[in-house]
N, C-alpha and C. Protein backbone atom coordinates (compact mmCIF):
# COMPACT_ATOMS: atom_id res chain seq x y z
N MET A 1 -55.97 -84.89 172.09
CA MET A 1 -56.98 -85.33 171.55
C MET A 1 -57.64 -86.56 172.57
N SER A 2 -58.74 -86.89 172.53
CA SER A 2 -58.80 -88.10 173.21
C SER A 2 -59.46 -89.13 172.16
N GLN A 3 -59.49 -90.51 173.01
CA GLN A 3 -59.95 -91.76 172.01
C GLN A 3 -61.06 -91.72 171.81
N SER A 4 -62.14 -90.91 172.28
CA SER A 4 -63.48 -91.12 172.01
C SER A 4 -63.75 -89.90 170.84
N ARG A 5 -63.03 -88.72 171.01
CA ARG A 5 -62.94 -87.79 169.99
C ARG A 5 -62.36 -88.48 168.78
N PHE A 6 -61.60 -89.28 168.80
CA PHE A 6 -60.92 -89.95 167.59
C PHE A 6 -61.66 -90.95 167.11
N ASN A 7 -62.48 -91.69 167.89
CA ASN A 7 -63.56 -92.60 167.38
C ASN A 7 -64.44 -92.17 166.61
N SER A 8 -65.09 -90.79 167.03
CA SER A 8 -66.23 -90.11 166.39
C SER A 8 -65.38 -89.55 164.93
N VAL A 9 -64.29 -89.37 164.77
CA VAL A 9 -63.83 -88.68 163.63
C VAL A 9 -63.68 -90.05 162.83
N PHE A 10 -63.25 -91.10 163.24
CA PHE A 10 -62.92 -92.36 162.54
C PHE A 10 -64.33 -92.71 161.58
N LEU A 11 -65.55 -92.84 162.82
CA LEU A 11 -66.68 -93.18 162.08
C LEU A 11 -67.14 -92.44 161.00
N ASN A 12 -67.37 -90.74 161.36
CA ASN A 12 -67.57 -89.80 160.37
C ASN A 12 -66.92 -90.18 159.16
N GLN A 13 -65.77 -90.02 159.13
CA GLN A 13 -64.90 -90.09 157.77
C GLN A 13 -64.59 -91.75 157.31
N ARG A 14 -65.12 -93.02 158.06
CA ARG A 14 -64.75 -94.06 157.28
C ARG A 14 -65.11 -94.13 156.02
N LEU A 15 -66.32 -94.11 155.39
CA LEU A 15 -66.76 -94.49 154.21
C LEU A 15 -65.77 -93.39 153.10
N SER A 16 -65.77 -92.22 153.61
CA SER A 16 -64.70 -91.42 152.68
C SER A 16 -63.18 -92.14 152.85
N LEU A 17 -62.68 -92.35 153.65
CA LEU A 17 -61.53 -93.02 154.02
C LEU A 17 -61.61 -94.62 153.03
N LEU A 18 -62.29 -95.21 153.22
CA LEU A 18 -62.38 -96.29 152.57
C LEU A 18 -62.68 -96.18 151.31
N ARG A 19 -63.51 -95.51 150.38
CA ARG A 19 -63.55 -95.04 149.21
C ARG A 19 -62.13 -94.40 148.82
N THR A 20 -61.23 -93.92 149.54
CA THR A 20 -60.19 -93.37 148.86
C THR A 20 -59.22 -94.56 149.02
N LEU A 21 -59.08 -95.37 150.07
CA LEU A 21 -58.20 -96.53 150.11
C LEU A 21 -58.41 -97.09 148.80
N GLN A 22 -59.85 -97.90 148.34
CA GLN A 22 -59.95 -98.53 147.39
C GLN A 22 -59.54 -98.11 145.80
N ARG A 23 -59.70 -97.01 145.90
CA ARG A 23 -59.45 -96.18 144.51
C ARG A 23 -58.00 -96.30 144.56
N MET A 24 -57.20 -96.49 145.41
CA MET A 24 -55.65 -96.48 145.61
C MET A 24 -55.32 -97.73 145.44
N VAL A 25 -55.83 -98.58 146.17
CA VAL A 25 -55.50 -99.81 145.99
C VAL A 25 -56.15 -101.02 145.13
N GLY A 26 -57.48 -100.67 144.51
CA GLY A 26 -58.12 -101.78 143.62
C GLY A 26 -58.70 -102.54 144.27
N ASN A 27 -58.74 -102.74 145.41
CA ASN A 27 -58.92 -104.14 145.89
C ASN A 27 -60.02 -103.83 147.23
N PRO A 28 -61.30 -104.35 147.14
CA PRO A 28 -61.93 -103.95 148.45
C PRO A 28 -61.78 -104.10 149.68
N SER A 29 -61.10 -105.81 149.60
CA SER A 29 -60.71 -106.44 150.68
C SER A 29 -59.38 -105.60 151.60
N THR A 30 -58.54 -105.25 150.65
CA THR A 30 -57.18 -104.89 150.99
C THR A 30 -57.35 -103.36 151.63
N ALA A 31 -58.56 -102.87 150.87
CA ALA A 31 -58.61 -101.77 151.55
C ALA A 31 -59.39 -101.79 153.34
N GLU A 32 -60.20 -102.31 153.42
CA GLU A 32 -60.82 -102.69 154.44
C GLU A 32 -59.28 -103.35 155.44
N ASP A 33 -58.42 -104.16 155.11
CA ASP A 33 -57.34 -104.34 156.03
C ASP A 33 -56.81 -102.84 156.41
N LEU A 34 -56.47 -102.13 155.44
CA LEU A 34 -55.59 -100.91 155.52
C LEU A 34 -56.74 -99.95 156.18
N LEU A 35 -57.91 -100.04 156.30
CA LEU A 35 -58.71 -98.97 156.97
C LEU A 35 -58.31 -99.41 158.36
N GLN A 36 -58.19 -100.55 159.05
CA GLN A 36 -58.45 -101.25 160.41
C GLN A 36 -56.91 -100.94 160.97
N GLU A 37 -55.88 -101.36 159.93
CA GLU A 37 -54.54 -100.80 160.42
C GLU A 37 -54.56 -99.21 160.75
N THR A 38 -55.17 -98.31 159.69
CA THR A 38 -55.13 -96.81 159.99
C THR A 38 -55.54 -96.69 161.23
N TYR A 39 -56.56 -97.22 161.75
CA TYR A 39 -57.42 -97.00 163.06
C TYR A 39 -56.20 -97.34 164.18
N LEU A 40 -55.66 -98.54 163.83
CA LEU A 40 -54.41 -99.18 164.98
C LEU A 40 -53.47 -98.26 165.11
N ARG A 41 -53.32 -97.53 163.96
CA ARG A 41 -51.97 -96.90 163.97
C ARG A 41 -52.10 -95.41 164.78
N VAL A 42 -53.01 -94.77 164.17
CA VAL A 42 -53.77 -93.78 164.98
C VAL A 42 -53.73 -93.73 166.18
N THR A 43 -54.61 -94.74 166.66
CA THR A 43 -54.64 -94.95 167.81
C THR A 43 -53.48 -95.05 168.95
N ARG A 44 -52.82 -96.02 168.22
CA ARG A 44 -51.39 -95.98 168.85
C ARG A 44 -50.41 -94.54 168.70
N ALA A 45 -50.34 -93.90 167.61
CA ALA A 45 -50.21 -92.95 167.78
C ALA A 45 -50.66 -91.50 168.98
N LEU A 46 -52.16 -91.82 169.14
CA LEU A 46 -52.49 -90.83 170.39
C LEU A 46 -51.89 -91.10 171.69
N GLY A 47 -51.86 -92.45 171.90
CA GLY A 47 -51.29 -92.97 172.96
C GLY A 47 -49.79 -92.32 173.24
N GLU A 48 -49.26 -92.21 172.65
CA GLU A 48 -48.06 -91.64 172.52
C GLU A 48 -47.76 -90.00 172.73
N ARG A 49 -48.57 -89.10 172.00
CA ARG A 49 -48.63 -87.77 171.51
C ARG A 49 -49.87 -87.21 171.33
N PRO A 50 -49.83 -85.94 171.87
CA PRO A 50 -51.38 -85.20 171.09
C PRO A 50 -51.08 -85.06 169.70
N ILE A 51 -52.62 -85.05 168.96
CA ILE A 51 -52.21 -84.69 167.44
C ILE A 51 -53.25 -83.72 167.41
N GLU A 52 -52.69 -82.46 167.00
CA GLU A 52 -53.43 -81.30 166.93
C GLU A 52 -54.77 -81.52 165.84
N HIS A 53 -54.32 -81.86 164.46
CA HIS A 53 -55.39 -81.89 163.48
C HIS A 53 -55.09 -83.36 163.03
N LEU A 54 -56.48 -83.76 163.66
CA LEU A 54 -56.85 -85.32 163.71
C LEU A 54 -56.70 -85.76 162.45
N GLU A 55 -57.85 -85.08 161.68
CA GLU A 55 -58.83 -85.76 160.37
C GLU A 55 -57.61 -85.43 159.48
N PRO A 56 -56.76 -84.53 159.06
CA PRO A 56 -55.63 -84.71 157.97
C PRO A 56 -54.88 -86.04 158.55
N PHE A 57 -54.19 -86.34 159.95
CA PHE A 57 -53.66 -86.79 160.43
C PHE A 57 -53.70 -88.50 159.99
N VAL A 58 -55.25 -88.58 160.26
CA VAL A 58 -55.71 -89.94 159.61
C VAL A 58 -55.58 -90.30 158.22
N PHE A 59 -56.10 -89.31 157.59
CA PHE A 59 -55.99 -89.77 156.03
C PHE A 59 -54.85 -89.66 155.56
N GLN A 60 -53.89 -88.98 155.93
CA GLN A 60 -52.47 -89.11 155.72
C GLN A 60 -51.96 -90.60 155.98
N THR A 61 -52.11 -91.25 157.30
CA THR A 61 -51.76 -92.21 157.56
C THR A 61 -52.48 -93.39 156.86
N ALA A 62 -53.46 -93.17 156.57
CA ALA A 62 -54.43 -94.20 155.40
C ALA A 62 -53.73 -94.00 154.25
N ARG A 63 -53.17 -93.18 153.65
CA ARG A 63 -52.74 -92.78 152.40
C ARG A 63 -51.07 -93.67 152.51
N ASN A 64 -50.29 -93.22 153.40
CA ASN A 64 -49.00 -93.79 153.64
C ASN A 64 -49.41 -95.36 153.62
N LEU A 65 -50.17 -95.54 154.29
CA LEU A 65 -50.31 -97.31 154.56
C LEU A 65 -50.47 -97.85 153.06
N ALA A 66 -51.47 -97.05 152.25
CA ALA A 66 -52.13 -97.32 150.92
C ALA A 66 -50.75 -97.63 150.20
N LEU A 67 -49.85 -96.42 150.11
CA LEU A 67 -48.73 -96.06 149.33
C LEU A 67 -47.55 -97.70 149.76
N ASP A 68 -47.22 -97.64 150.96
CA ASP A 68 -46.59 -98.85 151.55
C ASP A 68 -46.74 -99.94 150.83
N HIS A 69 -48.40 -100.36 150.90
CA HIS A 69 -49.02 -101.88 150.29
C HIS A 69 -48.66 -102.03 148.62
N LEU A 70 -48.62 -100.81 148.17
CA LEU A 70 -48.62 -100.61 146.46
C LEU A 70 -46.97 -100.98 146.47
N ARG A 71 -46.19 -100.35 147.15
CA ARG A 71 -44.77 -100.72 147.00
C ARG A 71 -44.29 -101.77 147.03
N ALA A 72 -45.01 -102.62 148.19
CA ALA A 72 -44.80 -104.06 148.24
C ALA A 72 -45.33 -104.96 147.53
N ARG A 73 -46.27 -104.57 146.98
CA ARG A 73 -46.96 -105.39 146.00
C ARG A 73 -45.92 -104.80 144.78
N ARG A 74 -45.53 -104.13 144.45
CA ARG A 74 -44.86 -103.88 142.75
C ARG A 74 -43.70 -104.50 142.98
N VAL A 75 -42.90 -104.58 144.13
CA VAL A 75 -41.54 -105.33 144.27
C VAL A 75 -41.87 -106.97 144.36
N GLN A 76 -42.68 -107.20 145.06
CA GLN A 76 -43.16 -108.52 144.81
C GLN A 76 -43.49 -109.08 143.59
N ALA A 77 -44.14 -108.14 142.59
CA ALA A 77 -44.41 -108.65 141.32
C ALA A 77 -43.25 -109.04 140.61
N ARG A 78 -42.17 -107.80 140.79
CA ARG A 78 -40.92 -107.60 140.27
C ARG A 78 -39.90 -109.19 140.41
N MET A 79 -40.38 -109.36 141.69
CA MET A 79 -39.75 -110.50 142.35
C MET A 79 -40.11 -111.97 141.34
N LEU A 80 -41.63 -112.13 140.85
CA LEU A 80 -42.23 -112.74 140.38
C LEU A 80 -41.84 -113.36 138.93
N VAL A 81 -41.20 -111.95 138.08
CA VAL A 81 -40.89 -111.95 137.19
C VAL A 81 -42.00 -111.97 136.08
N GLU A 82 -42.62 -110.84 136.47
CA GLU A 82 -44.19 -110.21 136.08
C GLU A 82 -44.13 -110.65 134.68
N ASP A 83 -43.64 -110.65 133.51
CA ASP A 83 -43.87 -110.49 132.12
C ASP A 83 -43.79 -111.98 131.40
N VAL A 84 -42.74 -112.86 132.06
CA VAL A 84 -42.64 -114.41 131.67
C VAL A 84 -43.29 -115.16 132.36
N PRO A 85 -44.19 -116.07 131.58
CA PRO A 85 -45.23 -117.22 132.26
C PRO A 85 -44.24 -118.39 132.81
N GLU A 86 -44.38 -118.90 133.93
CA GLU A 86 -43.89 -119.78 134.91
C GLU A 86 -43.40 -120.95 134.01
N GLN A 87 -44.06 -121.66 132.81
CA GLN A 87 -43.99 -122.39 132.33
C GLN A 87 -42.49 -122.33 131.21
N VAL A 88 -42.49 -120.69 130.81
CA VAL A 88 -41.12 -120.71 130.32
C VAL A 88 -39.97 -120.69 131.16
N LEU A 89 -40.33 -119.91 132.25
CA LEU A 89 -38.94 -120.32 133.40
C LEU A 89 -38.56 -121.54 133.68
N HIS A 90 -39.56 -122.11 133.88
CA HIS A 90 -39.40 -123.51 134.21
C HIS A 90 -38.53 -124.34 133.26
N ASN A 91 -39.08 -124.05 132.03
CA ASN A 91 -38.41 -124.62 130.68
C ASN A 91 -36.52 -124.17 130.61
N VAL A 92 -36.55 -122.87 130.83
CA VAL A 92 -35.24 -122.35 131.05
C VAL A 92 -34.35 -122.68 131.92
N ALA A 93 -34.46 -122.58 133.17
CA ALA A 93 -33.89 -122.95 133.98
C ALA A 93 -34.28 -124.11 135.06
N ALA A 94 -34.42 -125.36 134.14
CA ALA A 94 -34.63 -126.56 135.06
C ALA A 94 -33.32 -127.13 136.14
N PRO A 95 -34.04 -126.98 137.02
CA PRO A 95 -32.91 -127.41 138.18
C PRO A 95 -31.78 -128.81 137.77
N LEU A 96 -32.79 -129.81 137.81
CA LEU A 96 -32.25 -130.78 137.29
C LEU A 96 -33.13 -131.66 136.22
N GLY A 97 -32.94 -131.84 134.99
CA GLY A 97 -33.22 -132.33 133.84
C GLY A 97 -32.17 -132.94 132.80
N SER A 98 -32.85 -133.81 131.78
CA SER A 98 -31.69 -135.12 131.30
C SER A 98 -30.84 -134.09 130.11
N SER A 99 -30.21 -134.62 129.86
CA SER A 99 -29.12 -133.95 128.68
C SER A 99 -30.17 -133.25 127.59
N GLU A 100 -30.95 -133.88 127.19
CA GLU A 100 -31.80 -133.18 126.05
C GLU A 100 -32.32 -131.94 126.19
N ASP A 101 -32.84 -132.06 127.62
CA ASP A 101 -33.36 -130.66 128.20
C ASP A 101 -32.07 -129.66 128.44
N ALA A 102 -31.15 -130.19 128.76
CA ALA A 102 -29.95 -129.09 129.09
C ALA A 102 -29.77 -128.76 127.55
N ALA A 103 -29.72 -129.30 126.51
CA ALA A 103 -29.42 -129.04 125.34
C ALA A 103 -30.34 -128.06 124.73
N GLN A 104 -31.51 -128.50 125.18
CA GLN A 104 -32.70 -127.43 124.69
C GLN A 104 -33.01 -126.38 125.28
N ALA A 105 -32.57 -126.23 126.41
CA ALA A 105 -32.29 -125.02 126.86
C ALA A 105 -31.47 -124.14 126.77
N GLU A 106 -30.27 -124.69 126.29
CA GLU A 106 -28.87 -123.77 125.95
C GLU A 106 -28.79 -123.30 124.45
N GLN A 107 -29.79 -124.04 123.62
CA GLN A 107 -30.62 -123.72 122.35
C GLN A 107 -30.97 -122.48 122.57
N LEU A 108 -32.05 -122.60 123.21
CA LEU A 108 -33.27 -121.62 123.76
C LEU A 108 -32.29 -120.02 124.29
N LEU A 109 -31.46 -120.27 124.86
CA LEU A 109 -30.90 -119.45 125.73
C LEU A 109 -29.61 -118.64 124.56
N LYS A 110 -29.23 -119.41 123.94
CA LYS A 110 -28.66 -119.01 122.47
C LYS A 110 -29.30 -117.99 121.66
N HIS A 111 -30.65 -118.41 121.26
CA HIS A 111 -31.60 -117.62 120.41
C HIS A 111 -32.16 -116.59 121.39
N LEU A 112 -32.10 -116.30 122.36
CA LEU A 112 -32.54 -115.47 123.03
C LEU A 112 -31.51 -114.51 123.20
N SER A 113 -30.17 -115.04 123.05
CA SER A 113 -29.12 -114.14 123.42
C SER A 113 -29.13 -113.41 122.01
N ILE A 114 -28.91 -114.21 121.11
CA ILE A 114 -29.14 -113.37 119.87
C ILE A 114 -30.15 -112.00 119.64
N SER A 115 -31.31 -112.52 120.06
CA SER A 115 -32.49 -111.78 119.69
C SER A 115 -32.41 -110.47 120.68
N LEU A 116 -31.77 -110.80 121.89
CA LEU A 116 -31.60 -109.75 122.63
C LEU A 116 -30.30 -108.62 122.22
N GLY A 117 -29.27 -109.43 121.42
CA GLY A 117 -28.48 -108.50 120.69
C GLY A 117 -28.72 -107.91 119.33
N GLN A 118 -30.08 -108.09 119.15
CA GLN A 118 -30.65 -107.25 118.01
C GLN A 118 -31.41 -105.61 118.43
N LEU A 119 -31.60 -106.06 119.69
CA LEU A 119 -32.39 -104.81 120.00
C LEU A 119 -31.17 -103.52 120.10
N THR A 120 -32.12 -102.48 119.97
CA THR A 120 -31.32 -100.81 120.21
C THR A 120 -30.93 -100.79 121.27
N GLU A 121 -29.74 -100.06 121.27
CA GLU A 121 -28.83 -99.61 122.60
C GLU A 121 -29.73 -99.56 124.02
N ARG A 122 -30.97 -98.57 123.49
CA ARG A 122 -31.60 -97.99 124.57
C ARG A 122 -32.54 -99.36 125.11
N GLN A 123 -33.04 -100.19 123.91
CA GLN A 123 -33.98 -101.50 124.70
C GLN A 123 -32.92 -102.30 125.43
N GLN A 124 -31.72 -102.44 124.91
CA GLN A 124 -30.62 -103.41 125.72
C GLN A 124 -30.67 -102.86 127.26
N GLN A 125 -30.02 -101.56 127.32
CA GLN A 125 -30.43 -100.72 128.82
C GLN A 125 -31.50 -100.98 129.85
N ILE A 126 -32.54 -100.83 128.94
CA ILE A 126 -33.96 -100.96 129.87
C ILE A 126 -34.20 -102.38 130.25
N PHE A 127 -33.67 -103.40 129.23
CA PHE A 127 -33.73 -104.97 129.62
C PHE A 127 -32.99 -104.87 131.15
N ILE A 128 -31.87 -104.81 131.04
CA ILE A 128 -30.67 -105.02 131.69
C ILE A 128 -31.19 -104.33 133.34
N GLN A 129 -31.52 -103.00 133.15
CA GLN A 129 -32.11 -102.18 134.10
C GLN A 129 -32.80 -102.74 135.01
N SER A 130 -34.27 -103.52 133.91
CA SER A 130 -35.39 -103.63 134.77
C SER A 130 -35.13 -105.32 135.23
N ARG A 131 -34.70 -106.39 134.18
CA ARG A 131 -34.91 -107.61 134.80
C ARG A 131 -33.48 -107.82 135.81
N LEU A 132 -32.16 -107.41 135.50
CA LEU A 132 -31.09 -107.64 135.87
C LEU A 132 -30.78 -106.95 137.28
N HIS A 133 -31.13 -105.57 137.28
CA HIS A 133 -30.67 -105.02 138.19
C HIS A 133 -32.23 -104.55 138.97
N GLY A 134 -33.31 -104.83 138.72
CA GLY A 134 -34.78 -104.81 139.64
C GLY A 134 -34.92 -103.22 139.49
N ALA A 135 -34.49 -102.19 138.65
CA ALA A 135 -35.07 -100.67 138.43
C ALA A 135 -36.42 -100.61 138.01
N SER A 136 -36.95 -99.67 138.51
CA SER A 136 -38.50 -99.68 138.26
C SER A 136 -38.83 -98.68 137.16
N TYR A 137 -39.67 -98.66 136.45
CA TYR A 137 -39.73 -97.84 135.20
C TYR A 137 -39.58 -96.48 135.50
N LEU A 138 -39.94 -95.69 136.47
CA LEU A 138 -39.32 -94.67 136.87
C LEU A 138 -37.96 -94.27 136.71
N GLU A 139 -37.53 -95.03 137.68
CA GLU A 139 -35.71 -94.80 137.81
C GLU A 139 -35.36 -95.08 136.32
N ILE A 140 -35.58 -96.14 135.72
CA ILE A 140 -35.03 -96.09 134.17
C ILE A 140 -34.81 -95.04 133.29
N ALA A 141 -36.56 -94.45 133.52
CA ALA A 141 -36.75 -93.41 132.72
C ALA A 141 -35.68 -92.40 133.27
N GLU A 142 -35.95 -91.80 134.24
CA GLU A 142 -34.71 -90.56 134.56
C GLU A 142 -33.64 -91.26 134.17
N LYS A 143 -32.92 -92.39 134.40
CA LYS A 143 -31.55 -92.44 133.72
C LYS A 143 -31.50 -92.10 132.14
N LEU A 144 -32.63 -92.62 131.53
CA LEU A 144 -32.34 -92.57 129.94
C LEU A 144 -33.38 -91.05 129.34
N LYS A 145 -33.49 -90.31 130.43
CA LYS A 145 -34.58 -89.24 130.03
C LYS A 145 -35.64 -89.62 128.62
N VAL A 146 -35.91 -90.29 129.48
CA VAL A 146 -37.41 -90.71 128.55
C VAL A 146 -38.63 -90.80 129.55
N SER A 147 -39.69 -91.25 129.31
CA SER A 147 -40.69 -90.95 130.09
C SER A 147 -41.14 -92.51 130.78
N ALA A 148 -41.69 -92.80 131.71
CA ALA A 148 -41.93 -93.96 132.28
C ALA A 148 -42.65 -95.01 131.30
N SER A 149 -43.82 -94.11 130.77
CA SER A 149 -44.84 -94.83 129.27
C SER A 149 -43.98 -95.74 128.66
N THR A 150 -42.73 -94.61 128.07
CA THR A 150 -41.85 -94.95 126.91
C THR A 150 -41.11 -96.61 127.35
N VAL A 151 -40.84 -96.49 128.50
CA VAL A 151 -39.85 -97.34 129.20
C VAL A 151 -40.61 -98.73 129.72
N GLN A 152 -41.92 -98.50 129.87
CA GLN A 152 -42.85 -99.68 129.71
C GLN A 152 -43.41 -100.09 128.81
N LYS A 153 -43.42 -99.56 127.46
CA LYS A 153 -43.99 -99.88 126.33
C LYS A 153 -42.45 -100.74 125.48
N GLU A 154 -41.03 -99.81 125.65
CA GLU A 154 -40.48 -100.84 125.42
C GLU A 154 -40.14 -102.04 126.01
N LEU A 155 -40.21 -102.11 127.01
CA LEU A 155 -40.02 -103.52 128.17
C LEU A 155 -41.04 -104.25 127.69
N LYS A 156 -42.36 -104.36 127.40
CA LYS A 156 -43.15 -105.28 126.77
C LYS A 156 -42.91 -105.30 125.36
N LEU A 157 -42.56 -104.97 124.39
CA LEU A 157 -41.95 -105.14 123.09
C LEU A 157 -40.64 -106.12 123.27
N ILE A 158 -39.99 -105.88 124.26
CA ILE A 158 -38.31 -106.45 124.80
C ILE A 158 -39.01 -107.92 124.76
N MET A 159 -40.03 -107.93 125.65
CA MET A 159 -40.53 -109.22 126.42
C MET A 159 -41.41 -109.93 125.18
N ALA A 160 -41.90 -109.42 124.35
CA ALA A 160 -42.80 -110.14 123.32
C ALA A 160 -41.38 -110.74 122.80
N ILE A 161 -40.72 -110.38 122.45
CA ILE A 161 -39.60 -110.57 121.43
C ILE A 161 -38.87 -111.89 122.02
N CYS A 162 -38.53 -111.98 123.46
CA CYS A 162 -38.36 -113.01 124.22
C CYS A 162 -39.05 -114.39 124.34
N MET A 163 -40.26 -113.97 124.21
CA MET A 163 -41.54 -114.61 124.38
C MET A 163 -41.66 -115.47 122.93
N GLY A 164 -41.68 -114.54 121.97
CA GLY A 164 -41.60 -114.95 120.35
C GLY A 164 -40.38 -116.17 120.19
N VAL A 165 -39.34 -115.99 120.85
CA VAL A 165 -38.26 -117.04 120.57
C VAL A 165 -38.84 -118.23 121.51
N ALA A 166 -38.96 -117.71 122.64
CA ALA A 166 -38.88 -118.99 123.53
C ALA A 166 -40.24 -120.06 122.89
N ASP A 167 -41.42 -119.26 122.46
CA ASP A 167 -42.53 -120.14 121.83
C ASP A 167 -41.97 -121.15 120.31
N ARG A 168 -41.04 -120.19 119.71
CA ARG A 168 -40.56 -121.04 118.35
C ARG A 168 -39.78 -122.01 118.91
N HIS A 169 -39.23 -122.37 120.02
CA HIS A 169 -37.92 -123.21 120.16
C HIS A 169 -38.67 -124.04 121.26
N GLN A 170 -39.63 -124.39 121.52
CA GLN A 170 -40.11 -125.12 122.47
C GLN A 170 -40.26 -126.75 122.14
């Protein structure tokens, strides 16, 4: 398959590819970037080997790039502790502070610990798997034999409890 044939297929399918990517990633700018990366990857692949079914290959390449992007974004969000405002994090884990700050943080941690101790066993498992082990909703759901939606709702409730404790003790 020649580069000119690919260029023709790409130009004919560009709008459809772009719409697909926008639906997947929810951001027009990111979709454009992924579309350009799709073009580069397919061009590189054509230089290495012939591709019989070019159009499906192009769409699959675009889809894989979008999925990789979404995975990376999900990991990044998890690393940023998605459900806890930055101010709360700074109050709980201030690296250098006065003895008063340390005492306040210790009290907050004590109250959070008590609150977490009042959670059901399943809620505690969800919290530990998500926040300490970095497991995804789906991974937790499979372990606990519940739906990912249930895990998500439970985690939101758990985080609301933690936020309520933090708000009361600031």
